[in-house]
Structures are given as structure tokens and as C-alpha cells.
Amino acid sequence: MVFSTPFFLFTYFPLVLAIHAITPLKWRNAVLLVVNLIFYGWKKPAYILIMFASIGIDYVHGLLVEKAKGAGNDKRAKRYVIQSMAFNLALLGFFKYWDFIAGSLHGLGLTFMPVLGLELPIGISFYTFQTMSYTVDVYRGDAKAQRNIVNFGTFVTLFPQLIAGPILKYKDLADQIDERDYPIERFAAGVQIFTVGLAKKVLLANNLGSLWDYYKALPAGELTTAGAWLGIVAFAFHLYFDFSGYSDMAVGLGQMLGFEFLGNFNYPYMAKSITDFWRRWHISLSSWFRDYLYIPLGGSRCSKGRLVFNLMAVWTATGIWHGANWNFLLWGIYYGVLLVLEKLVWGKALQKLPAALQHVYALALVLIGWALFAIEDFSALGPYLGSMLGFAGGGLVNGTVFYHLRSYTLILLLAAVGSSPLVKSLWHKLPGKAQKLLCPLLILAGLLLSTAYLVDGTYNPFLYFQF
């Protein structure tokens, strides 16, 4: 089940809200656990068994870690953390990477690993990282072990962010799981945030996705340099509004149910360096890798050689996390190299450039990175990158590019403005009375337009569901 469908908007979630509202406070987590599992197993009920295994293993290991720490046996506590992480990584590795590794080996003539044709459980990359954070937080003393398995299950399966994030750390949500309040102001803010996310997804991302699909499918001999850049710009906006739209909807749904989730994006296309970009893009993933991998490896307080190793290890892992394909590994290494270069070679010189040049530098490298990310077929990736760099089989530009520029001018302008702080800045400059008058009208308009697009069939799945 996904958020941007009429069934979720007008049947499932209203029912959840009604049941949640009439349920006594002490039973609300139990009710949430049930609706979370229904949401997750809507089309594939068998996935719920995987979720139960994850909940059970990590719940028990959290208690074991706390008990060992309380007895002063740090070595045993650490062993329990490693066991828990090994289980989660094995679960993720089996479903996400077994067939990829087996297929790659078969290509080399090694057939000892059978290709199983496994279907990836939706959201497994997200919820396994969440549960891994739990035992680590308990070990570090950042959170107490959860003794109520229903409450712990609610954390693991919380449906607003279960499928595609934001990735929640247990230490950030522990108090809210046990006890939370429900002010009407938070609910109203949640409705606003959800509607903004829905409009991002349905009105912007879906339309821009069709433009990217056209250029991605073009044969190399017909692709122009201008077309390659227009296509990847469309993908960049498509991915941003698709993923940030989902994150906004998750945050909004969470607020309507009494939770406060941290934001996942902070205008990443306004970045002036690659380092700045990754402080703004998919913040929950970046902070997860920082807290649970980069800092434990030594962070930046180490020798230059060790710093290079730490950055490359983190970004190789980031690439692998995103998908079971060689292009994702290459994408992670690409960003690792860029971040090493910014840290050790040209970072200080970059800061001395005019802000506009810093911005152009960052956007150009990010767009090249999105080509690595979006095109999984290496036989198509090389020609596409070559076209972006001026070696296009179709030349520099053609009439189709001008046609698409005319057709998509408005949507591209809206995307450019929507990915900047301009709208937010203008909104805050309005008088309070104007905001109170316009806000419900804009929410209603956003819901009506988005619903009209959904009914008309202009829906496509969230990109990050495949991760």
C-alpha cells in the first residue's frame, strides 16, 4: 500500500485515524502495531513473517545488551550487539544481494550459488537499519531497552515511514513510543505537510518522470548533448520531489498520529559543494552512516590515510545500500572520491570562489552522479555520460529538445522554484491573517488537484520503494 492512492487517502487512513482517536491511550500502540502490519503486508502478507523475526530478534537482544551492561560485562554486551547486527545484515543481504551475487558469479561461469528469483521485501533497507540502531543505542546508553514488545514492534513497523523512511533512530523516538500527546496544532501541521508532500509527488514528480523516461529510452545514436542534460535534470527533479514528497507525507502522517519525525531534506539543490549536498539530501541516511559507521571507524579525527579509508568505506557502503547493481557501487565510490578531494585537495579553494560558481560546481557533479544512479545498464550508461560530456551521437541539440523545453517550461520552472527556499520565504513574509485565510484554501486545492491526477491515472510508484 502506498500513500498516493485514492484508497489510502479516502479509505485506509481515515479509518486508521478514526480507530486511533476512539482507542484508549494505553491501547493505541497495540492498535498502531496492527494497522502497521496490515499496511505492510497488504499485497504480500508473507512479508509480515520477516517483520516478526526482525522484531523478535532485536527485542531480545536489546534486553540482553542492557542486562550485560548492567552486570558490568561490556564484552558480552558487545557480543550481543554484533549478533543483532549480523542477523539484520544477513536478512538484508539474503533478500537484496543473493541473486545479484549469484547472477554475477554465473556470468563468470561459477554456478555454485543458485539464482533464487527472490522478490525484495519492500522497505527492508530502511527498517533493518532502524532496528540495528536500537541495540547500538542501548549499548551506548543513549536509550533504555524497551521492555514492552508491543511498543518495540510499533517502533519497527511504524507505517508512515516504514516503506521509504525517514530512517528513525530508536534514541530519537523512544520517549514518543512510550508516551506522546496529541495537540490539535500538531495534527493541523501534519495535514499541511502531508498535502505539500502529496502535491510534490503527484503534480511535479510524476510529470517530470515522463520526460526522463523519454530520454533514458532513446538510442545512443539519437541522443543529443542538450537532450542528455535535459533528461538528467528532469530525473534530478523527479527523484527529489518523489522522495522528498514521500518524506513530507511520512512526517505529516506521523504528526497526525502524535509523532514528531525529523525532516529528511533541506533544499539539497541549493548546495555549494558535495559535502554541503550530503548534509541536505536524505539526511536520515547520512546521519545514520555518520553515527553508526563513520564515527566508530574514527571519523575525521585521524591521519589523512585513515580519513580516506573511512570516507571510502562509508560511501561504498552507501552505494551498496541503495541497490544490488554495479552502478550503485560505482555511484557510492564516485561520491567517496569527491568527498575525499573536497576534504584534502580543493575544499578550501572552492570556498574562495564566488557563490554562483560553487553552486554550478556542485550541481554539475550531482547531475553526473544522478546519471550513475539512474542508469543501471552499463551498456547505456557509458553513451549517456558521453553525451552529457559532448560526445553525443545525435549532435549538440535538435528540434525534439526545443519541443520538450517549450512543453515542460512551466513544470521545470515550478520544480526549480519548489526546490529552493523561495516559496517558504515568501510565505513567511505574508501577514498572519493572510496565512490563516490562504492555508486551508491551498490545502484544499492541493488535495483536489492531486486527487484529480490520481483518478486520471497519472500515478507511478515511489522510486525509493525499490531500495
Protein backbone atom coordinates (compact mmCIF):
# COMPACT_ATOMS: atom_id res chain seq x y z
CA MET A 1 0.00 0.00 0.00
CA VAL A 2 1.25 3.48 -0.82
CA PHE A 3 0.20 6.95 0.26
CA SER A 4 -0.58 8.48 -3.13
CA THR A 5 -3.61 6.34 -3.99
CA PRO A 6 -7.31 7.18 -3.58
CA PHE A 7 -7.77 4.03 -1.47
CA PHE A 8 -5.18 5.14 1.10
CA LEU A 9 -6.29 8.78 1.07
CA PHE A 10 -10.03 8.23 1.37
CA THR A 11 -10.44 4.81 2.94
CA TYR A 12 -7.49 3.33 4.80
CA PHE A 13 -6.04 6.37 6.54
CA PRO A 14 -9.39 7.93 7.55
CA LEU A 15 -10.29 4.57 9.12
CA VAL A 16 -6.93 4.47 10.91
CA LEU A 17 -7.47 7.99 12.24
CA ALA A 18 -10.99 7.16 13.44
CA ILE A 19 -9.93 3.94 15.17
CA HIS A 20 -6.88 5.65 16.66
CA ALA A 21 -8.98 8.52 18.01
CA ILE A 22 -11.50 6.30 19.83
CA THR A 23 -8.90 3.89 21.22
CA PRO A 24 -7.90 4.46 24.88
CA LEU A 25 -4.37 5.84 25.21
CA LYS A 26 -2.91 2.69 26.76
CA TRP A 27 -4.03 0.58 23.77
CA ARG A 28 -3.01 2.95 20.97
CA ASN A 29 0.38 1.36 20.34
CA ALA A 30 -1.27 -2.07 20.07
CA VAL A 31 -3.75 -0.69 17.53
CA LEU A 32 -0.94 1.03 15.64
CA LEU A 33 1.03 -2.21 15.52
CA VAL A 34 -1.94 -3.97 13.92
CA VAL A 35 -2.58 -1.26 11.32
CA ASN A 36 1.17 -1.05 10.62
CA LEU A 37 1.29 -4.77 9.83
CA ILE A 38 -1.85 -4.58 7.68
CA PHE A 39 -0.30 -1.68 5.76
CA TYR A 40 2.98 -3.53 5.25
CA GLY A 41 1.50 -6.89 4.31
CA TRP A 42 -1.36 -5.55 2.18
CA LYS A 43 -0.22 -7.23 -1.05
CA LYS A 44 2.35 -9.67 0.35
CA PRO A 45 1.20 -10.97 3.76
CA ALA A 46 4.21 -13.31 3.89
CA TYR A 47 6.44 -10.25 4.44
CA ILE A 48 4.89 -9.91 7.90
CA LEU A 49 6.76 -13.05 8.99
CA ILE A 50 10.07 -11.35 8.17
CA MET A 51 8.95 -8.37 10.22
CA PHE A 52 8.07 -10.61 13.17
CA ALA A 53 11.54 -12.20 13.02
CA SER A 54 13.20 -8.78 13.00
CA ILE A 55 11.09 -7.55 15.92
CA GLY A 56 11.72 -10.68 18.00
CA ILE A 57 15.47 -10.92 17.46
CA ASP A 58 16.18 -7.26 18.15
CA TYR A 59 13.77 -7.02 21.09
CA VAL A 60 15.50 -9.93 22.84
CA HIS A 61 18.99 -8.66 22.04
CA GLY A 62 18.17 -5.21 23.40
CA LEU A 63 17.27 -6.79 26.75
CA LEU A 64 20.39 -8.95 26.68
CA VAL A 65 22.62 -5.98 25.94
CA GLU A 66 21.16 -3.95 28.80
CA LYS A 67 21.45 -6.87 31.22
CA ALA A 68 25.09 -7.48 30.29
CA LYS A 69 25.92 -3.78 30.58
CA GLY A 70 24.20 -3.63 33.96
CA ALA A 71 26.33 -6.55 35.15
CA GLY A 72 29.47 -4.74 34.01
CA ASN A 73 30.17 -7.30 31.28
CA ASP A 74 30.92 -4.99 28.36
CA LYS A 75 32.45 -7.76 26.27
CA ARG A 76 29.27 -9.84 26.43
CA ALA A 77 27.11 -6.79 25.69
CA LYS A 78 29.19 -6.04 22.63
CA ARG A 79 28.81 -9.66 21.51
CA TYR A 80 25.03 -9.34 21.69
CA VAL A 81 25.15 -6.14 19.61
CA ILE A 82 27.25 -7.93 16.99
CA GLN A 83 24.79 -10.85 16.94
CA SER A 84 21.86 -8.50 16.40
CA MET A 85 23.63 -6.58 13.63
CA ALA A 86 24.74 -9.83 11.98
CA PHE A 87 21.13 -11.03 11.88
CA ASN A 88 19.89 -7.77 10.34
CA LEU A 89 22.69 -7.64 7.79
CA ALA A 90 22.17 -11.30 6.90
CA LEU A 91 18.44 -10.66 6.40
CA LEU A 92 19.15 -7.65 4.20
CA GLY A 93 21.97 -9.40 2.36
CA PHE A 94 19.98 -12.52 1.58
CA PHE A 95 16.92 -10.81 0.13
CA LYS A 96 18.68 -7.89 -1.53
CA TYR A 97 22.03 -9.23 -2.72
CA TRP A 98 21.86 -13.03 -3.06
CA ASP A 99 20.51 -13.03 -6.62
CA PHE A 100 22.82 -10.19 -7.63
CA ILE A 101 25.91 -12.03 -6.40
CA ALA A 102 24.70 -15.34 -7.83
CA GLY A 103 23.96 -13.74 -11.21
CA SER A 104 27.36 -12.05 -11.29
CA LEU A 105 29.09 -15.37 -10.50
CA HIS A 106 27.06 -17.15 -13.17
CA GLY A 107 28.37 -14.58 -15.64
CA LEU A 108 31.88 -15.73 -14.74
CA GLY A 109 30.93 -19.38 -15.18
CA LEU A 110 30.63 -20.10 -11.43
CA THR A 111 27.30 -21.74 -10.67
CA PHE A 112 27.64 -22.91 -7.06
CA MET A 113 25.17 -20.20 -5.92
CA PRO A 114 21.72 -20.72 -7.47
CA VAL A 115 19.70 -17.71 -8.64
CA LEU A 116 16.60 -17.92 -6.44
CA GLY A 117 14.45 -15.24 -8.07
CA LEU A 118 13.82 -13.57 -4.72
CA GLU A 119 11.37 -10.70 -4.52
CA LEU A 120 12.74 -7.84 -2.43
CA PRO A 121 10.56 -7.14 0.63
CA ILE A 122 9.50 -3.50 0.38
CA GLY A 123 11.35 -1.18 2.72
CA ILE A 124 13.77 -3.81 4.04
CA SER A 125 16.76 -1.47 3.63
CA PHE A 126 15.03 1.09 5.83
CA TYR A 127 13.64 -0.99 8.66
CA THR A 128 16.74 -3.18 9.06
CA PHE A 129 18.81 -0.01 9.60
CA GLN A 130 16.27 1.22 12.14
CA THR A 131 16.38 -1.98 14.15
CA MET A 132 20.20 -2.07 14.01
CA SER A 133 20.28 1.35 15.62
CA TYR A 134 18.28 0.03 18.59
CA THR A 135 20.81 -2.37 20.12
CA VAL A 136 23.65 0.08 19.45
CA ASP A 137 21.75 2.86 21.23
CA VAL A 138 21.09 0.57 24.20
CA TYR A 139 24.76 -0.46 24.30
CA ARG A 140 25.93 3.15 24.22
CA GLY A 141 23.48 4.15 26.95
CA ASP A 142 21.65 6.52 24.59
CA ALA A 143 18.37 4.69 25.23
CA LYS A 144 16.93 2.15 27.64
CA ALA A 145 15.93 -1.28 26.42
CA GLN A 146 12.25 -1.45 25.55
CA ARG A 147 10.52 -3.99 27.78
CA ASN A 148 7.15 -3.82 26.09
CA ILE A 149 7.35 -5.86 22.88
CA VAL A 150 4.21 -4.19 21.51
CA ASN A 151 5.84 -0.77 21.89
CA PHE A 152 9.02 -2.06 20.27
CA GLY A 153 7.03 -3.59 17.43
CA THR A 154 5.30 -0.25 16.92
CA PHE A 155 8.70 1.43 16.52
CA VAL A 156 9.90 -1.12 13.97
CA THR A 157 6.71 -1.17 11.90
CA LEU A 158 5.52 2.44 12.16
CA PHE A 159 3.75 2.69 8.81
CA PRO A 160 4.19 6.40 7.95
CA GLN A 161 7.92 5.87 7.42
CA LEU A 162 8.16 2.07 7.19
CA ILE A 163 8.48 1.76 3.42
CA ALA A 164 10.89 4.54 2.44
CA GLY A 165 11.97 6.46 5.53
CA PRO A 166 12.97 8.77 7.01
CA ILE A 167 15.19 6.28 8.84
CA LEU A 168 14.38 6.65 12.53
CA LYS A 169 16.93 6.06 15.27
CA TYR A 170 15.48 4.47 18.35
CA LYS A 171 17.07 7.03 20.67
CA ASP A 172 15.19 9.82 18.84
CA LEU A 173 11.80 8.13 19.11
CA ALA A 174 11.95 6.10 22.34
CA ASP A 175 10.14 8.65 24.52
CA GLN A 176 7.44 9.22 21.90
CA ILE A 177 6.80 5.49 21.58
CA ASP A 178 6.17 5.19 25.31
CA GLU A 179 4.18 8.39 25.73
CA ARG A 180 3.10 11.22 23.44
CA ASP A 181 0.50 13.97 23.35
CA TYR A 182 -1.95 14.94 20.60
CA PRO A 183 -2.29 18.75 20.33
CA ILE A 184 -4.63 19.89 17.59
CA GLU A 185 -1.91 22.24 16.30
CA ARG A 186 0.34 19.26 15.56
CA PHE A 187 -2.45 17.47 13.73
CA ALA A 188 -3.17 20.57 11.62
CA ALA A 189 0.52 20.98 10.82
CA GLY A 190 0.61 17.32 9.84
CA VAL A 191 -2.23 17.82 7.36
CA GLN A 192 -0.36 20.73 5.78
CA ILE A 193 2.93 18.85 5.50
CA PHE A 194 1.21 15.76 4.11
CA THR A 195 -0.61 17.79 1.45
CA VAL A 196 2.61 19.50 0.37
CA GLY A 197 4.27 16.10 0.02
CA LEU A 198 1.34 14.68 -1.94
CA ALA A 199 1.41 17.64 -4.34
CA LYS A 200 5.17 17.27 -4.79
CA LYS A 201 4.75 13.64 -5.73
CA VAL A 202 1.65 13.78 -7.89
CA LEU A 203 1.84 17.20 -9.55
CA LEU A 204 5.60 17.56 -10.02
CA ALA A 205 7.46 14.24 -9.72
CA ASN A 206 5.10 12.18 -11.87
CA ASN A 207 5.08 14.71 -14.71
CA LEU A 208 8.85 15.10 -14.71
CA GLY A 209 9.28 11.34 -14.63
CA SER A 210 7.75 11.00 -18.09
CA LEU A 211 10.33 13.41 -19.55
CA TRP A 212 13.18 11.41 -18.02
CA ASP A 213 11.68 8.16 -19.31
CA TYR A 214 11.78 9.53 -22.85
CA TYR A 215 15.47 10.46 -22.80
CA LYS A 216 16.53 7.36 -20.89
CA ALA A 217 14.94 5.16 -23.59
CA LEU A 218 16.50 7.00 -26.55
CA PRO A 219 19.08 5.00 -28.54
CA ALA A 220 22.60 6.40 -28.14
CA GLY A 221 22.71 7.48 -31.79
CA GLU A 222 19.67 9.73 -31.34
CA LEU A 223 20.63 11.31 -28.00
CA THR A 224 21.93 14.88 -28.13
CA THR A 225 24.11 16.64 -25.57
CA ALA A 226 21.32 19.08 -24.71
CA GLY A 227 18.83 16.21 -24.52
CA ALA A 228 21.08 14.24 -22.17
CA TRP A 229 21.34 17.20 -19.80
CA LEU A 230 17.61 17.96 -20.06
CA GLY A 231 16.83 14.32 -19.29
CA ILE A 232 19.08 14.15 -16.24
CA VAL A 233 17.76 17.49 -14.95
CA ALA A 234 14.26 16.02 -15.26
CA PHE A 235 15.41 12.92 -13.34
CA ALA A 236 17.04 15.07 -10.64
CA PHE A 237 13.80 16.97 -10.06
CA HIS A 238 11.72 13.80 -10.42
CA LEU A 239 13.75 11.98 -7.75
CA TYR A 240 13.81 14.97 -5.41
CA PHE A 241 10.07 15.65 -5.50
CA ASP A 242 9.27 11.94 -5.43
CA PHE A 243 11.45 11.15 -2.42
CA SER A 244 11.08 14.42 -0.52
CA GLY A 245 7.34 14.24 -1.23
CA TYR A 246 7.20 10.79 0.37
CA SER A 247 9.25 12.05 3.32
CA ASP A 248 6.92 15.01 3.78
CA MET A 249 3.91 12.70 3.70
CA ALA A 250 5.59 10.43 6.27
CA VAL A 251 6.32 13.39 8.57
CA GLY A 252 2.77 14.70 8.14
CA LEU A 253 1.16 11.32 8.84
CA GLY A 254 3.40 10.93 11.87
CA GLN A 255 2.28 14.28 13.25
CA MET A 256 -1.37 13.37 12.75
CA LEU A 257 -0.71 10.28 14.89
CA GLY A 258 1.17 12.24 17.56
CA PHE A 259 4.79 11.66 16.46
CA GLU A 260 7.49 14.19 15.59
CA PHE A 261 9.88 12.95 12.87
CA LEU A 262 12.93 14.90 11.78
CA GLY A 263 12.92 16.33 8.25
CA ASN A 264 14.78 14.38 5.56
CA PHE A 265 15.68 17.16 3.09
CA ASN A 266 16.93 20.72 3.33
CA TYR A 267 16.93 22.16 -0.20
CA PRO A 268 19.79 19.96 -1.46
CA TYR A 269 19.96 21.61 -4.88
CA MET A 270 20.97 24.85 -3.19
CA ALA A 271 24.24 23.20 -2.08
CA LYS A 272 27.59 24.81 -2.85
CA SER A 273 29.71 21.68 -2.52
CA ILE A 274 29.29 17.92 -2.47
CA THR A 275 29.85 17.95 1.28
CA ASP A 276 27.04 20.50 1.61
CA PHE A 277 24.80 18.46 -0.70
CA TRP A 278 25.05 15.40 1.54
CA ARG A 279 24.22 17.48 4.60
CA ARG A 280 20.97 18.35 2.86
CA TRP A 281 19.97 15.19 0.92
CA HIS A 282 18.44 12.13 2.63
CA ILE A 283 19.57 13.49 5.97
CA SER A 284 18.38 10.49 7.97
CA LEU A 285 20.57 8.10 5.94
CA SER A 286 23.62 10.37 6.06
CA SER A 287 23.29 10.82 9.81
CA TRP A 288 22.79 7.05 10.29
CA PHE A 289 26.04 6.27 8.48
CA ARG A 290 27.77 9.07 10.37
CA ASP A 291 26.65 7.84 13.81
CA TYR A 292 26.92 4.10 13.29
CA LEU A 293 29.78 3.68 10.81
CA TYR A 294 31.84 6.82 10.11
CA ILE A 295 32.42 7.91 13.72
CA PRO A 296 33.05 4.35 15.01
CA LEU A 297 35.69 4.00 12.27
CA GLY A 298 37.40 7.13 13.58
CA GLY A 299 35.61 9.90 11.69
CA SER A 300 37.84 12.78 10.61
CA ARG A 301 39.96 12.90 13.77
CA CYS A 302 42.66 10.68 12.37
CA SER A 303 45.50 10.59 9.86
CA LYS A 304 44.86 11.54 6.24
CA GLY A 305 45.26 7.94 5.15
CA ARG A 306 42.73 6.76 7.69
CA LEU A 307 40.35 9.57 6.72
CA VAL A 308 40.46 8.42 3.11
CA PHE A 309 39.71 4.86 4.20
CA ASN A 310 36.83 5.96 6.45
CA LEU A 311 35.19 8.06 3.75
CA MET A 312 35.57 5.41 1.06
CA ALA A 313 34.25 2.69 3.39
CA VAL A 314 31.17 4.76 4.26
CA TRP A 315 30.39 5.72 0.69
CA THR A 316 30.99 2.27 -0.70
CA ALA A 317 28.51 1.03 1.92
CA THR A 318 26.10 3.83 0.96
CA GLY A 319 26.24 2.80 -2.68
CA ILE A 320 25.70 -0.87 -1.84
CA TRP A 321 22.79 0.04 0.47
CA HIS A 322 20.98 1.75 -2.41
CA GLY A 323 20.80 -1.24 -4.68
CA ALA A 324 22.08 -4.60 -5.85
CA ASN A 325 23.71 -3.42 -9.04
CA TRP A 326 27.19 -2.33 -10.08
CA ASN A 327 26.07 1.20 -10.93
CA PHE A 328 25.13 1.84 -7.29
CA LEU A 329 28.55 0.69 -6.14
CA LEU A 330 30.13 2.99 -8.74
CA TRP A 331 27.86 5.83 -7.59
CA GLY A 332 28.94 5.38 -3.97
CA ILE A 333 32.64 5.29 -4.92
CA TYR A 334 32.14 8.39 -7.09
CA TYR A 335 30.86 10.37 -4.10
CA GLY A 336 33.51 8.92 -1.82
CA VAL A 337 36.25 10.17 -4.16
CA LEU A 338 34.63 13.61 -4.48
CA LEU A 339 34.34 13.99 -0.71
CA VAL A 340 37.96 12.91 -0.21
CA LEU A 341 39.04 15.51 -2.77
CA GLU A 342 36.98 18.23 -1.09
CA LYS A 343 38.40 17.32 2.32
CA LEU A 344 42.03 17.06 1.30
CA VAL A 345 42.63 18.81 -2.04
CA TRP A 346 40.38 21.61 -3.26
CA GLY A 347 37.87 22.21 -0.47
CA LYS A 348 39.49 25.41 0.81
CA ALA A 349 39.99 26.77 -2.71
CA LEU A 350 36.35 26.03 -3.52
CA GLN A 351 35.19 28.16 -0.58
CA LYS A 352 37.02 31.16 -2.02
CA LEU A 353 35.11 31.04 -5.31
CA PRO A 354 32.00 33.21 -5.88
CA ALA A 355 28.87 31.56 -4.51
CA ALA A 356 27.40 31.17 -8.02
CA LEU A 357 30.43 29.18 -9.21
CA GLN A 358 30.31 26.99 -6.10
CA HIS A 359 26.68 26.29 -6.87
CA VAL A 360 27.38 25.43 -10.53
CA TYR A 361 30.23 23.14 -9.46
CA ALA A 362 28.02 21.24 -7.02
CA LEU A 363 25.05 20.92 -9.38
CA ALA A 364 27.16 19.71 -12.30
CA LEU A 365 28.76 16.95 -10.22
CA VAL A 366 25.42 15.99 -8.65
CA LEU A 367 23.80 15.68 -12.08
CA ILE A 368 26.61 13.45 -13.30
CA GLY A 369 26.11 11.42 -10.14
CA TRP A 370 22.40 11.05 -10.90
CA ALA A 371 23.26 9.57 -14.30
CA LEU A 372 25.34 6.92 -12.50
CA PHE A 373 22.44 6.34 -10.12
CA ALA A 374 19.61 6.21 -12.64
CA ILE A 375 21.06 4.06 -15.42
CA GLU A 376 21.69 0.51 -14.24
CA ASP A 377 22.67 -0.87 -17.65
CA PHE A 378 26.38 -0.18 -18.19
CA SER A 379 25.97 -0.51 -21.96
CA ALA A 380 23.63 2.52 -21.82
CA LEU A 381 25.43 4.39 -19.02
CA GLY A 382 28.65 4.98 -20.95
CA PRO A 383 26.97 6.52 -24.01
CA TYR A 384 24.69 8.65 -21.83
CA LEU A 385 27.61 10.07 -19.84
CA GLY A 386 29.49 10.58 -23.11
CA SER A 387 26.53 12.52 -24.49
CA MET A 388 26.50 14.75 -21.41
CA LEU A 389 30.18 15.48 -21.95
CA GLY A 390 29.68 16.46 -25.60
CA PHE A 391 30.18 13.16 -27.39
CA ALA A 392 26.57 12.64 -28.43
CA GLY A 393 25.60 10.54 -31.42
CA GLY A 394 22.74 12.93 -32.16
CA GLY A 395 24.87 16.08 -32.02
CA LEU A 396 24.53 19.09 -29.75
CA VAL A 397 20.79 19.77 -29.96
CA ASN A 398 17.77 19.01 -32.11
CA GLY A 399 14.16 20.05 -32.54
CA THR A 400 12.88 17.49 -30.03
CA VAL A 401 14.82 19.19 -27.24
CA PHE A 402 13.28 22.56 -28.10
CA TYR A 403 9.84 20.94 -28.22
CA HIS A 404 10.33 19.44 -24.77
CA LEU A 405 11.66 22.70 -23.41
CA ARG A 406 8.54 24.50 -24.62
CA SER A 407 6.23 21.76 -23.36
CA TYR A 408 7.85 21.46 -19.95
CA THR A 409 8.80 25.10 -19.34
CA LEU A 410 6.17 25.66 -16.68
CA ILE A 411 6.76 22.40 -14.81
CA LEU A 412 10.54 22.89 -14.88
CA LEU A 413 10.18 26.44 -13.54
CA LEU A 414 7.85 25.25 -10.80
CA ALA A 415 10.33 22.50 -9.95
CA ALA A 416 13.23 24.95 -9.80
CA VAL A 417 11.28 27.32 -7.54
CA GLY A 418 9.91 24.46 -5.45
CA SER A 419 13.37 23.06 -4.79
CA SER A 420 14.54 26.41 -3.41
CA PRO A 421 13.61 28.25 -0.17
CA LEU A 422 11.84 30.98 -2.17
CA VAL A 423 8.27 29.80 -1.59
CA LYS A 424 8.85 29.29 2.13
CA SER A 425 10.47 32.70 2.41
CA LEU A 426 7.59 34.45 0.63
CA TRP A 427 5.03 32.59 2.75
CA HIS A 428 6.62 33.75 5.99
CA LYS A 429 6.54 37.35 4.76
CA LEU A 430 2.74 37.24 4.46
CA PRO A 431 0.73 38.72 7.35
CA GLY A 432 -0.65 36.20 9.81
CA LYS A 433 -4.24 36.88 8.75
CA ALA A 434 -3.40 36.20 5.11
CA GLN A 435 -1.72 32.92 6.05
CA LYS A 436 -4.77 31.79 8.04
CA LEU A 437 -7.05 32.60 5.11
CA LEU A 438 -4.89 31.10 2.37
CA CYS A 439 -3.69 27.97 4.16
CA PRO A 440 -6.97 25.97 4.11
CA LEU A 441 -7.67 27.10 0.55
CA LEU A 442 -4.25 25.92 -0.63
CA ILE A 443 -4.60 22.61 1.22
CA LEU A 444 -7.99 22.00 -0.37
CA ALA A 445 -6.67 22.94 -3.81
CA GLY A 446 -3.66 20.67 -3.38
CA LEU A 447 -5.83 17.72 -2.35
CA LEU A 448 -8.34 18.28 -5.18
CA LEU A 449 -5.69 18.66 -7.90
CA SER A 450 -3.69 15.69 -6.64
CA THR A 451 -6.80 13.53 -6.44
CA ALA A 452 -7.80 14.53 -9.97
CA TYR A 453 -4.36 13.48 -11.25
CA LEU A 454 -4.52 10.18 -9.37
CA VAL A 455 -8.00 9.35 -10.66
CA ASP A 456 -6.82 10.20 -14.18
CA GLY A 457 -4.15 7.51 -13.86
CA THR A 458 -1.03 9.69 -13.77
CA TYR A 459 0.44 7.72 -10.86
CA ASN A 460 3.73 5.85 -10.72
CA PRO A 461 5.35 4.09 -7.73
CA PHE A 462 7.77 5.83 -5.41
CA LEU A 463 11.34 5.37 -6.66
CA TYR A 464 12.75 4.53 -3.25
CA PHE A 465 10.42 1.55 -2.84
CA GLN A 466 12.97 -0.49 -4.80
CA PHE A 467 15.64 0.17 -2.16
